PDB file of N, CA and C in Angstrom:
ATOM      1  N   MET A   1       0.835  -1.177   0.000  1.00  0.00           N
ATOM      2  CA  MET A   1       0.000   0.000   0.000  1.00  0.00           C
ATOM      3  C   MET A   1       0.884   1.246   0.000  1.00  0.00           C
ATOM      4  N   ASN A   2       0.527   2.224  -0.818  1.00  0.00           N
ATOM      5  CA  ASN A   2       1.253   3.487  -0.893  1.00  0.00           C
ATOM      6  C   ASN A   2       0.314   4.626  -0.565  1.00  0.00           C
ATOM      7  N   LEU A   3       0.874   5.691  -0.012  1.00  0.00           N
ATOM      8  CA  LEU A   3       0.062   6.856   0.325  1.00  0.00           C
ATOM      9  C   LEU A   3       0.901   8.112   0.163  1.00  0.00           C
ATOM     10  N   ASN A   4       0.382   9.077  -0.568  1.00  0.00           N
ATOM     11  CA  ASN A   4       1.030  10.376  -0.733  1.00  0.00           C
ATOM     12  C   ASN A   4      -0.020  11.407  -0.363  1.00  0.00           C
ATOM     13  N   LYS A   5      -0.003  11.862   0.889  1.00  0.00           N
ATOM     14  CA  LYS A   5      -1.026  12.782   1.380  1.00  0.00           C
ATOM     15  C   LYS A   5      -0.393  13.757   2.351  1.00  0.00           C
ATOM     16  N   ILE A   6      -0.795  15.029   2.241  1.00  0.00           N
ATOM     17  CA  ILE A   6      -0.310  16.048   3.149  1.00  0.00           C
ATOM     18  C   ILE A   6      -1.489  16.905   3.595  1.00  0.00           C
ATOM     19  N   LEU A   7      -1.507  17.249   4.877  1.00  0.00           N
ATOM     20  CA  LEU A   7      -2.519  18.118   5.457  1.00  0.00           C
ATOM     21  C   LEU A   7      -1.791  19.323   6.059  1.00  0.00           C
ATOM     22  N   LEU A   8      -2.201  20.522   5.676  1.00  0.00           N
ATOM     23  CA  LEU A   8      -1.560  21.739   6.159  1.00  0.00           C
ATOM     24  C   LEU A   8      -2.610  22.736   6.633  1.00  0.00           C
ATOM     25  N   ILE A   9      -2.303  23.450   7.710  1.00  0.00           N
ATOM     26  CA  ILE A   9      -3.080  24.603   8.140  1.00  0.00           C
ATOM     27  C   ILE A   9      -2.072  25.726   8.310  1.00  0.00           C
ATOM     28  N   GLY A  10      -2.302  26.832   7.615  1.00  0.00           N
ATOM     29  CA  GLY A  10      -1.360  27.938   7.701  1.00  0.00           C
ATOM     30  C   GLY A  10      -1.936  29.202   7.110  1.00  0.00           C
ATOM     31  N   HIS A  11      -1.078  30.212   7.009  1.00  0.00           N
ATOM     32  CA  HIS A  11      -1.471  31.516   6.486  1.00  0.00           C
ATOM     33  C   HIS A  11      -0.957  31.699   5.054  1.00  0.00           C
ATOM     34  N   VAL A  12      -1.831  32.237   4.222  1.00  0.00           N
ATOM     35  CA  VAL A  12      -1.503  32.481   2.822  1.00  0.00           C
ATOM     36  C   VAL A  12      -0.484  33.622   2.751  1.00  0.00           C
ATOM     37  N   GLY A  13       0.619  33.372   2.051  1.00  0.00           N
ATOM     38  CA  GLY A  13       1.695  34.354   1.968  1.00  0.00           C
ATOM     39  C   GLY A  13       1.494  35.409   0.896  1.00  0.00           C
ATOM     40  N   ARG A  14       0.739  35.078  -0.132  1.00  0.00           N
ATOM     41  CA  ARG A  14       0.445  36.035  -1.212  1.00  0.00           C
ATOM     42  C   ARG A  14      -0.870  35.629  -1.861  1.00  0.00           C
ATOM     43  N   ASP A  15      -1.546  36.586  -2.466  1.00  0.00           N
ATOM     44  CA  ASP A  15      -2.797  36.284  -3.149  1.00  0.00           C
ATOM     45  C   ASP A  15      -2.546  35.201  -4.202  1.00  0.00           C
ATOM     46  N   PRO A  16      -3.508  34.292  -4.390  1.00  0.00           N
ATOM     47  CA  PRO A  16      -3.349  33.264  -5.419  1.00  0.00           C
ATOM     48  C   PRO A  16      -3.111  33.895  -6.793  1.00  0.00           C
ATOM     49  N   GLU A  17      -2.156  33.331  -7.510  1.00  0.00           N
ATOM     50  CA  GLU A  17      -1.802  33.799  -8.850  1.00  0.00           C
ATOM     51  C   GLU A  17      -2.432  32.852  -9.868  1.00  0.00           C
ATOM     52  N   THR A  18      -3.225  33.419 -10.763  1.00  0.00           N
ATOM     53  CA  THR A  18      -3.877  32.610 -11.785  1.00  0.00           C
ATOM     54  C   THR A  18      -2.933  32.368 -12.944  1.00  0.00           C
ATOM     55  N   ILE A  19      -2.816  31.099 -13.327  1.00  0.00           N
ATOM     56  CA  ILE A  19      -1.963  30.718 -14.447  1.00  0.00           C
ATOM     57  C   ILE A  19      -2.836  29.889 -15.379  1.00  0.00           C
ATOM     58  N   ALA A  20      -3.049  30.322 -16.574  1.00  0.00           N
ATOM     59  CA  ALA A  20      -3.779  29.549 -17.586  1.00  0.00           C
ATOM     60  C   ALA A  20      -5.180  29.135 -17.138  1.00  0.00           C
ATOM     61  N   GLY A  21      -6.010  30.084 -16.843  1.00  0.00           N
ATOM     62  CA  GLY A  21      -7.431  29.815 -16.594  1.00  0.00           C
ATOM     63  C   GLY A  21      -7.763  29.202 -15.259  1.00  0.00           C
ATOM     64  N   ASP A  22      -7.852  27.870 -15.200  1.00  0.00           N
ATOM     65  CA  ASP A  22      -8.282  27.232 -13.962  1.00  0.00           C
ATOM     66  C   ASP A  22      -7.129  26.604 -13.192  1.00  0.00           C
ATOM     67  N   PHE A  23      -5.984  27.234 -13.207  1.00  0.00           N
ATOM     68  CA  PHE A  23      -4.805  26.773 -12.478  1.00  0.00           C
ATOM     69  C   PHE A  23      -4.291  27.935 -11.648  1.00  0.00           C
ATOM     70  N   VAL A  24      -4.121  27.731 -10.331  1.00  0.00           N
ATOM     71  CA  VAL A  24      -3.599  28.785  -9.461  1.00  0.00           C
ATOM     72  C   VAL A  24      -2.452  28.253  -8.626  1.00  0.00           C
ATOM     73  N   LYS A  25      -1.651  29.195  -8.146  1.00  0.00           N
ATOM     74  CA  LYS A  25      -0.604  28.846  -7.198  1.00  0.00           C
ATOM     75  C   LYS A  25      -0.508  29.963  -6.167  1.00  0.00           C
ATOM     76  N   PHE A  26      -0.106  29.574  -4.951  1.00  0.00           N
ATOM     77  CA  PHE A  26       0.118  30.540  -3.876  1.00  0.00           C
ATOM     78  C   PHE A  26       1.041  29.904  -2.846  1.00  0.00           C
ATOM     79  N   SER A  27       1.552  30.713  -1.946  1.00  0.00           N
ATOM     80  CA  SER A  27       2.427  30.204  -0.902  1.00  0.00           C
ATOM     81  C   SER A  27       1.650  30.118   0.406  1.00  0.00           C
ATOM     82  N   LEU A  28       2.042  29.167   1.235  1.00  0.00           N
ATOM     83  CA  LEU A  28       1.394  28.941   2.520  1.00  0.00           C
ATOM     84  C   LEU A  28       2.477  28.780   3.581  1.00  0.00           C
ATOM     85  N   ALA A  29       2.345  29.512   4.682  1.00  0.00           N
ATOM     86  CA  ALA A  29       3.310  29.438   5.776  1.00  0.00           C
ATOM     87  C   ALA A  29       2.727  28.629   6.923  1.00  0.00           C
ATOM     88  N   THR A  30       3.486  27.642   7.380  1.00  0.00           N
ATOM     89  CA  THR A  30       3.126  26.910   8.595  1.00  0.00           C
ATOM     90  C   THR A  30       4.226  27.185   9.612  1.00  0.00           C
ATOM     91  N   THR A  31       3.831  27.405  10.857  1.00  0.00           N
ATOM     92  CA  THR A  31       4.801  27.770  11.887  1.00  0.00           C
ATOM     93  C   THR A  31       4.741  26.808  13.054  1.00  0.00           C
ATOM     94  N   GLU A  32       5.905  26.271  13.388  1.00  0.00           N
ATOM     95  CA  GLU A  32       6.058  25.437  14.575  1.00  0.00           C
ATOM     96  C   GLU A  32       6.504  26.368  15.693  1.00  0.00           C
ATOM     97  N   ARG A  33       5.700  26.459  16.725  1.00  0.00           N
ATOM     98  CA  ARG A  33       5.979  27.394  17.811  1.00  0.00           C
ATOM     99  C   ARG A  33       7.266  27.044  18.538  1.00  0.00           C
ATOM    100  N   GLY A  34       7.970  28.091  18.967  1.00  0.00           N
ATOM    101  CA  GLY A  34       9.203  27.910  19.714  1.00  0.00           C
ATOM    102  C   GLY A  34       8.926  27.407  21.117  1.00  0.00           C
ATOM    103  N   TYR A  35       9.983  27.017  21.800  1.00  0.00           N
ATOM    104  CA  TYR A  35       9.861  26.502  23.160  1.00  0.00           C
ATOM    105  C   TYR A  35      11.200  26.666  23.866  1.00  0.00           C
ATOM    106  N   GLU A  36      11.192  26.369  25.151  1.00  0.00           N
ATOM    107  CA  GLU A  36      12.422  26.422  25.931  1.00  0.00           C
ATOM    108  C   GLU A  36      12.728  25.018  26.423  1.00  0.00           C
ATOM    109  N   LYS A  37      13.987  24.606  26.228  1.00  0.00           N
ATOM    110  CA  LYS A  37      14.395  23.279  26.672  1.00  0.00           C
ATOM    111  C   LYS A  37      15.745  23.394  27.362  1.00  0.00           C
ATOM    112  N   ASP A  38      15.794  22.957  28.593  1.00  0.00           N
ATOM    113  CA  ASP A  38      17.033  22.996  29.391  1.00  0.00           C
ATOM    114  C   ASP A  38      17.644  24.388  29.410  1.00  0.00           C
ATOM    115  N   GLY A  39      16.794  25.409  29.510  1.00  0.00           N
ATOM    116  CA  GLY A  39      17.269  26.784  29.591  1.00  0.00           C
ATOM    117  C   GLY A  39      17.639  27.403  28.252  1.00  0.00           C
ATOM    118  N   VAL A  40      17.474  26.652  27.169  1.00  0.00           N
ATOM    119  CA  VAL A  40      17.805  27.161  25.840  1.00  0.00           C
ATOM    120  C   VAL A  40      16.502  27.486  25.119  1.00  0.00           C
ATOM    121  N   GLN A  41      16.398  28.707  24.601  1.00  0.00           N
ATOM    122  CA  GLN A  41      15.203  29.139  23.885  1.00  0.00           C
ATOM    123  C   GLN A  41      15.294  28.717  22.419  1.00  0.00           C
ATOM    124  N   ILE A  42      14.344  27.901  21.985  1.00  0.00           N
ATOM    125  CA  ILE A  42      14.259  27.469  20.594  1.00  0.00           C
ATOM    126  C   ILE A  42      13.230  28.373  19.916  1.00  0.00           C
ATOM    127  N   PRO A  43      13.617  29.115  18.872  1.00  0.00           N
ATOM    128  CA  PRO A  43      12.688  30.067  18.249  1.00  0.00           C
ATOM    129  C   PRO A  43      11.623  29.384  17.384  1.00  0.00           C
ATOM    130  N   ASP A  44      10.590  30.153  17.032  1.00  0.00           N
ATOM    131  CA  ASP A  44       9.580  29.677  16.082  1.00  0.00           C
ATOM    132  C   ASP A  44      10.279  29.294  14.783  1.00  0.00           C
ATOM    133  N   ARG A  45       9.732  28.279  14.096  1.00  0.00           N
ATOM    134  CA  ARG A  45      10.260  27.878  12.793  1.00  0.00           C
ATOM    135  C   ARG A  45       9.128  27.891  11.776  1.00  0.00           C
ATOM    136  N   THR A  46       9.285  28.719  10.759  1.00  0.00           N
ATOM    137  CA  THR A  46       8.271  28.829   9.711  1.00  0.00           C
ATOM    138  C   THR A  46       8.753  28.109   8.462  1.00  0.00           C
ATOM    139  N   THR A  47       7.859  27.309   7.885  1.00  0.00           N
ATOM    140  CA  THR A  47       8.134  26.607   6.640  1.00  0.00           C
ATOM    141  C   THR A  47       7.171  27.132   5.583  1.00  0.00           C
ATOM    142  N   TRP A  48       7.703  27.437   4.408  1.00  0.00           N
ATOM    143  CA  TRP A  48       6.881  27.914   3.286  1.00  0.00           C
ATOM    144  C   TRP A  48       6.625  26.773   2.328  1.00  0.00           C
ATOM    145  N   HIS A  49       5.372  26.660   1.890  1.00  0.00           N
ATOM    146  CA  HIS A  49       4.945  25.606   0.980  1.00  0.00           C
ATOM    147  C   HIS A  49       4.392  26.244  -0.295  1.00  0.00           C
ATOM    148  N   ASP A  50       4.763  25.691  -1.445  1.00  0.00           N
ATOM    149  CA  ASP A  50       4.204  26.124  -2.728  1.00  0.00           C
ATOM    150  C   ASP A  50       2.971  25.280  -2.995  1.00  0.00           C
ATOM    151  N   ILE A  51       1.806  25.938  -3.059  1.00  0.00           N
ATOM    152  CA  ILE A  51       0.538  25.252  -3.253  1.00  0.00           C
ATOM    153  C   ILE A  51       0.061  25.489  -4.681  1.00  0.00           C
ATOM    154  N   GLU A  52      -0.420  24.439  -5.338  1.00  0.00           N
ATOM    155  CA  GLU A  52      -0.993  24.557  -6.679  1.00  0.00           C
ATOM    156  C   GLU A  52      -2.333  23.839  -6.701  1.00  0.00           C
ATOM    157  N   ALA A  53      -3.285  24.387  -7.461  1.00  0.00           N
ATOM    158  CA  ALA A  53      -4.610  23.773  -7.557  1.00  0.00           C
ATOM    159  C   ALA A  53      -5.193  24.012  -8.939  1.00  0.00           C
ATOM    160  N   ARG A  54      -6.105  23.135  -9.328  1.00  0.00           N
ATOM    161  CA  ARG A  54      -6.813  23.240 -10.608  1.00  0.00           C
ATOM    162  C   ARG A  54      -8.305  23.111 -10.363  1.00  0.00           C
ATOM    163  N   GLY A  55      -9.077  23.438 -11.383  1.00  0.00           N
ATOM    164  CA  GLY A  55     -10.516  23.194 -11.375  1.00  0.00           C
ATOM    165  C   GLY A  55     -11.253  23.946 -10.291  1.00  0.00           C
ATOM    166  N   GLN A  56     -12.134  23.230  -9.607  1.00  0.00           N
ATOM    167  CA  GLN A  56     -13.002  23.830  -8.595  1.00  0.00           C
ATOM    168  C   GLN A  56     -12.200  24.458  -7.462  1.00  0.00           C
ATOM    169  N   GLN A  57     -11.136  23.805  -7.025  1.00  0.00           N
ATOM    170  CA  GLN A  57     -10.326  24.354  -5.936  1.00  0.00           C
ATOM    171  C   GLN A  57      -9.609  25.634  -6.374  1.00  0.00           C
ATOM    172  N   ALA A  58      -9.183  25.682  -7.625  1.00  0.00           N
ATOM    173  CA  ALA A  58      -8.539  26.888  -8.156  1.00  0.00           C
ATOM    174  C   ALA A  58      -9.533  28.039  -8.208  1.00  0.00           C
ATOM    175  N   ARG A  59     -10.749  27.759  -8.667  1.00  0.00           N
ATOM    176  CA  ARG A  59     -11.773  28.818  -8.727  1.00  0.00           C
ATOM    177  C   ARG A  59     -12.121  29.326  -7.331  1.00  0.00           C
ATOM    178  N   PHE A  60     -12.184  28.416  -6.345  1.00  0.00           N
ATOM    179  CA  PHE A  60     -12.436  28.822  -4.965  1.00  0.00           C
ATOM    180  C   PHE A  60     -11.320  29.747  -4.479  1.00  0.00           C
ATOM    181  N   ALA A  61     -10.074  29.354  -4.726  1.00  0.00           N
ATOM    182  CA  ALA A  61      -8.933  30.169  -4.283  1.00  0.00           C
ATOM    183  C   ALA A  61      -8.941  31.540  -4.956  1.00  0.00           C
ATOM    184  N   GLN A  62      -9.231  31.572  -6.264  1.00  0.00           N
ATOM    185  CA  GLN A  62      -9.277  32.846  -6.988  1.00  0.00           C
ATOM    186  C   GLN A  62     -10.310  33.800  -6.394  1.00  0.00           C
ATOM    187  N   ASN A  63     -11.457  33.272  -5.995  1.00  0.00           N
ATOM    188  CA  ASN A  63     -12.570  34.109  -5.553  1.00  0.00           C
ATOM    189  C   ASN A  63     -12.584  34.434  -4.066  1.00  0.00           C
ATOM    190  N   TYR A  64     -11.995  33.582  -3.225  1.00  0.00           N
ATOM    191  CA  TYR A  64     -12.187  33.753  -1.782  1.00  0.00           C
ATOM    192  C   TYR A  64     -10.917  33.856  -0.945  1.00  0.00           C
ATOM    193  N   ILE A  65      -9.783  33.412  -1.460  1.00  0.00           N
ATOM    194  CA  ILE A  65      -8.556  33.380  -0.673  1.00  0.00           C
ATOM    195  C   ILE A  65      -7.705  34.614  -0.964  1.00  0.00           C
ATOM    196  N   LYS A  66      -7.226  35.239   0.105  1.00  0.00           N
ATOM    197  CA  LYS A  66      -6.361  36.418  -0.017  1.00  0.00           C
ATOM    198  C   LYS A  66      -5.160  36.264   0.917  1.00  0.00           C
ATOM    199  N   GLN A  67      -4.141  37.057   0.689  1.00  0.00           N
ATOM    200  CA  GLN A  67      -2.955  37.068   1.535  1.00  0.00           C
ATOM    201  C   GLN A  67      -3.359  37.282   2.989  1.00  0.00           C
ATOM    202  N   GLY A  68      -2.790  36.488   3.887  1.00  0.00           N
ATOM    203  CA  GLY A  68      -3.051  36.610   5.312  1.00  0.00           C
ATOM    204  C   GLY A  68      -4.144  35.702   5.828  1.00  0.00           C
ATOM    205  N   ASP A  69      -4.997  35.176   4.942  1.00  0.00           N
ATOM    206  CA  ASP A  69      -6.057  34.270   5.375  1.00  0.00           C
ATOM    207  C   ASP A  69      -5.463  32.970   5.905  1.00  0.00           C
ATOM    208  N   MET A  70      -6.168  32.354   6.866  1.00  0.00           N
ATOM    209  CA  MET A  70      -5.770  31.038   7.344  1.00  0.00           C
ATOM    210  C   MET A  70      -6.593  30.006   6.585  1.00  0.00           C
ATOM    211  N   VAL A  71      -5.903  29.006   6.010  1.00  0.00           N
ATOM    212  CA  VAL A  71      -6.584  27.985   5.226  1.00  0.00           C
ATOM    213  C   VAL A  71      -6.115  26.587   5.611  1.00  0.00           C
ATOM    214  N   PHE A  72      -6.970  25.625   5.306  1.00  0.00           N
ATOM    215  CA  PHE A  72      -6.658  24.205   5.417  1.00  0.00           C
ATOM    216  C   PHE A  72      -6.455  23.686   4.001  1.00  0.00           C
ATOM    217  N   VAL A  73      -5.361  22.968   3.777  1.00  0.00           N
ATOM    218  CA  VAL A  73      -5.069  22.397   2.459  1.00  0.00           C
ATOM    219  C   VAL A  73      -4.822  20.901   2.636  1.00  0.00           C
ATOM    220  N   GLU A  74      -5.499  20.120   1.812  1.00  0.00           N
ATOM    221  CA  GLU A  74      -5.266  18.687   1.747  1.00  0.00           C
ATOM    222  C   GLU A  74      -4.831  18.375   0.324  1.00  0.00           C
ATOM    223  N   GLY A  75      -3.768  17.619   0.190  1.00  0.00           N
ATOM    224  CA  GLY A  75      -3.293  17.312  -1.148  1.00  0.00           C
ATOM    225  C   GLY A  75      -2.201  16.274  -1.138  1.00  0.00           C
ATOM    226  N   LYS A  76      -1.375  16.328  -2.200  1.00  0.00           N
ATOM    227  CA  LYS A  76      -0.257  15.388  -2.314  1.00  0.00           C
ATOM    228  C   LYS A  76       1.007  16.164  -2.643  1.00  0.00           C
ATOM    229  N   LEU A  77       2.136  15.598  -2.287  1.00  0.00           N
ATOM    230  CA  LEU A  77       3.439  16.180  -2.613  1.00  0.00           C
ATOM    231  C   LEU A  77       3.891  15.697  -3.981  1.00  0.00           C
ATOM    232  N   TYR A  78       4.549  16.600  -4.705  1.00  0.00           N
ATOM    233  CA  TYR A  78       5.207  16.170  -5.938  1.00  0.00           C
ATOM    234  C   TYR A  78       6.442  17.012  -6.149  1.00  0.00           C
ATOM    235  N   LYS A  79       7.371  16.493  -6.918  1.00  0.00           N
ATOM    236  CA  LYS A  79       8.631  17.195  -7.191  1.00  0.00           C
ATOM    237  C   LYS A  79       8.659  17.677  -8.626  1.00  0.00           C
ATOM    238  N   GLN A  80       9.264  18.851  -8.812  1.00  0.00           N
ATOM    239  CA  GLN A  80       9.399  19.421 -10.148  1.00  0.00           C
ATOM    240  C   GLN A  80      10.862  19.796 -10.353  1.00  0.00           C
ATOM    241  N   ASP A  81      11.459  19.293 -11.419  1.00  0.00           N
ATOM    242  CA  ASP A  81      12.841  19.626 -11.760  1.00  0.00           C
ATOM    243  C   ASP A  81      12.850  20.830 -12.690  1.00  0.00           C
ATOM    244  N   VAL A  82      13.699  21.813 -12.381  1.00  0.00           N
ATOM    245  CA  VAL A  82      13.793  23.039 -13.168  1.00  0.00           C
ATOM    246  C   VAL A  82      15.260  23.300 -13.478  1.00  0.00           C
ATOM    247  N   MET A  83      15.543  23.598 -14.755  1.00  0.00           N
ATOM    248  CA  MET A  83      16.909  23.955 -15.141  1.00  0.00           C
ATOM    249  C   MET A  83      17.125  25.446 -14.894  1.00  0.00           C
ATOM    250  N   THR A  84      18.180  25.783 -14.184  1.00  0.00           N
ATOM    251  CA  THR A  84      18.539  27.172 -13.919  1.00  0.00           C
ATOM    252  C   THR A  84      19.955  27.410 -14.431  1.00  0.00           C
ATOM    253  N   SER A  85      20.401  28.641 -14.349  1.00  0.00           N
ATOM    254  CA  SER A  85      21.767  28.947 -14.798  1.00  0.00           C
ATOM    255  C   SER A  85      22.798  28.217 -13.944  1.00  0.00           C
ATOM    256  N   GLY A  86      22.443  27.867 -12.728  1.00  0.00           N
ATOM    257  CA  GLY A  86      23.350  27.143 -11.843  1.00  0.00           C
ATOM    258  C   GLY A  86      23.203  25.637 -11.921  1.00  0.00           C
ATOM    259  N   GLY A  87      22.381  25.147 -12.827  1.00  0.00           N
ATOM    260  CA  GLY A  87      22.159  23.709 -12.961  1.00  0.00           C
ATOM    261  C   GLY A  87      20.718  23.345 -12.664  1.00  0.00           C
ATOM    262  N   GLN A  88      20.486  22.081 -12.461  1.00  0.00           N
ATOM    263  CA  GLN A  88      19.124  21.611 -12.211  1.00  0.00           C
ATOM    264  C   GLN A  88      18.778  21.742 -10.736  1.00  0.00           C
ATOM    265  N   ARG A  89      17.568  22.269 -10.455  1.00  0.00           N
ATOM    266  CA  ARG A  89      17.050  22.362  -9.095  1.00  0.00           C
ATOM    267  C   ARG A  89      15.762  21.566  -9.015  1.00  0.00           C
ATOM    268  N   THR A  90      15.531  20.962  -7.862  1.00  0.00           N
ATOM    269  CA  THR A  90      14.300  20.213  -7.632  1.00  0.00           C
ATOM    270  C   THR A  90      13.483  20.934  -6.576  1.00  0.00           C
ATOM    271  N   TYR A  91      12.224  21.211  -6.896  1.00  0.00           N
ATOM    272  CA  TYR A  91      11.306  21.873  -5.984  1.00  0.00           C
ATOM    273  C   TYR A  91      10.243  20.872  -5.548  1.00  0.00           C
ATOM    274  N   THR A  92       9.903  20.895  -4.265  1.00  0.00           N
ATOM    275  CA  THR A  92       8.803  20.084  -3.767  1.00  0.00           C
ATOM    276  C   THR A  92       7.588  20.987  -3.638  1.00  0.00           C
ATOM    277  N   LYS A  93       6.467  20.556  -4.216  1.00  0.00           N
ATOM    278  CA  LYS A  93       5.248  21.356  -4.232  1.00  0.00           C
ATOM    279  C   LYS A  93       4.085  20.524  -3.707  1.00  0.00           C
ATOM    280  N   VAL A  94       2.986  21.215  -3.407  1.00  0.00           N
ATOM    281  CA  VAL A  94       1.774  20.554  -2.945  1.00  0.00           C
ATOM    282  C   VAL A  94       0.686  20.774  -3.984  1.00  0.00           C
ATOM    283  N   TYR A  95       0.112  19.675  -4.484  1.00  0.00           N
ATOM    284  CA  TYR A  95      -1.041  19.758  -5.361  1.00  0.00           C
ATOM    285  C   TYR A  95      -2.265  19.603  -4.469  1.00  0.00           C
ATOM    286  N   ALA A  96      -3.104  20.650  -4.393  1.00  0.00           N
ATOM    287  CA  ALA A  96      -4.225  20.679  -3.457  1.00  0.00           C
ATOM    288  C   ALA A  96      -5.469  20.022  -4.032  1.00  0.00           C
ATOM    289  N   TYR A  97      -6.009  19.050  -3.285  1.00  0.00           N
ATOM    290  CA  TYR A  97      -7.305  18.453  -3.607  1.00  0.00           C
ATOM    291  C   TYR A  97      -8.424  19.237  -2.924  1.00  0.00           C
ATOM    292  N   THR A  98      -8.124  19.744  -1.738  1.00  0.00           N
ATOM    293  CA  THR A  98      -9.103  20.466  -0.929  1.00  0.00           C
ATOM    294  C   THR A  98      -8.465  21.732  -0.390  1.00  0.00           C
ATOM    295  N   ILE A  99      -9.183  22.849  -0.512  1.00  0.00           N
ATOM    296  CA  ILE A  99      -8.774  24.111   0.105  1.00  0.00           C
ATOM    297  C   ILE A  99      -9.989  24.645   0.845  1.00  0.00           C
ATOM    298  N   GLU A 100      -9.836  24.872   2.139  1.00  0.00           N
ATOM    299  CA  GLU A 100     -10.936  25.405   2.942  1.00  0.00           C
ATOM    300  C   GLU A 100     -10.466  26.648   3.680  1.00  0.00           C
ATOM    301  N   LEU A 101     -11.290  27.672   3.651  1.00  0.00           N
ATOM    302  CA  LEU A 101     -11.003  28.910   4.364  1.00  0.00           C
ATOM    303  C   LEU A 101     -11.351  28.708   5.830  1.00  0.00           C
ATOM    304  N   ILE A 102     -10.392  28.934   6.711  1.00  0.00           N
ATOM    305  CA  ILE A 102     -10.629  28.808   8.145  1.00  0.00           C
ATOM    306  C   ILE A 102     -10.954  30.168   8.742  1.00  0.00           C
ATOM    307  N   LYS A 103     -10.132  31.172   8.396  1.00  0.00           N
ATOM    308  CA  LYS A 103     -10.327  32.501   8.976  1.00  0.00           C
ATOM    309  C   LYS A 103      -9.819  33.555   8.014  1.00  0.00           C
ATOM    310  N   LYS A 104     -10.661  34.544   7.767  1.00  0.00           N
ATOM    311  CA  LYS A 104     -10.244  35.676   6.944  1.00  0.00           C
ATOM    312  C   LYS A 104      -9.281  36.537   7.745  1.00  0.00           C
ATOM    313  N   LYS A 105      -8.354  37.167   7.047  1.00  0.00           N
ATOM    314  CA  LYS A 105      -7.419  38.087   7.683  1.00  0.00           C
ATOM    315  C   LYS A 105      -8.224  39.233   8.303  1.00  0.00           C
ATOM    316  N   GLU A 106      -7.837  39.606   9.513  1.00  0.00           N
ATOM    317  CA  GLU A 106      -8.483  40.730  10.189  1.00  0.00           C
ATOM    318  C   GLU A 106      -8.219  41.993   9.394  1.00  0.00           C
ATOM    319  N   SER A 107      -9.279  42.702   9.019  1.00  0.00           N
ATOM    320  CA  SER A 107      -9.080  43.951   8.307  1.00  0.00           C
ATOM    321  C   SER A 107      -9.036  45.086   9.314  1.00  0.00           C
ATOM    322  N   THR A 108      -8.208  46.054   9.027  1.00  0.00           N
ATOM    323  CA  THR A 108      -8.125  47.212   9.909  1.00  0.00           C
ATOM    324  C   THR A 108      -8.971  48.328   9.332  1.00  0.00           C
ATOM    325  N   ASN A 109      -9.844  48.846  10.134  1.00  0.00           N
ATOM    326  CA  ASN A 109     -10.739  49.915   9.712  1.00  0.00           C
ATOM    327  C   ASN A 109     -10.213  51.218  10.294  1.00  0.00           C
ATOM    328  N   LEU A 110      -9.735  52.114   9.442  1.00  0.00           N
ATOM    329  CA  LEU A 110      -9.128  53.356   9.892  1.00  0.00           C
ATOM    330  C   LEU A 110     -10.094  54.532   9.872  1.00  0.00           C
ATOM    331  N   THR A 111     -11.358  54.275   9.612  1.00  0.00           N
ATOM    332  CA  THR A 111     -12.320  55.379   9.585  1.00  0.00           C
ATOM    333  C   THR A 111     -12.660  55.780  11.006  1.00  0.00           C
ATOM    334  N   THR A 112     -12.880  57.061  11.205  1.00  0.00           N
ATOM    335  CA  THR A 112     -13.218  57.541  12.550  1.00  0.00           C
ATOM    336  C   THR A 112     -14.600  58.118  12.577  1.00  0.00           C
TER     337      THR A 112
END
C-alpha cells in the first residue's frame, strides 16, 4: 500500500496567482511554535509551501482566498525539476485536492 497525502493549516503568503485559466498557485506558511528546553530558547520555525490547484479548488482560491487568510489544504506532494543557470534544481510542491477557508485576515478599519 502506498500513500502520498499532506494536510496543512497555515497563512496564505500572497494572493493566489492565476496561471492559464483554472490553475492557481500561492504560498502557505506553517509555523512550529518555539519553546524552551534545558534553559535554551528554541525560536519559532516557519516553513513555506508552494501550493498549486486546478478546477473547482482553483476557482475557490481565486474568488475567496487572499494574503493573510488562514486555510486548510489537503493534497499530495510532488517534485518538479527546473533547469537554472546554476544547474538543475528540484522543488517540492503541494497539489491541493481540498482548500478550505478557516479565517479571513483581520481587516483594519481606519475610519473615525
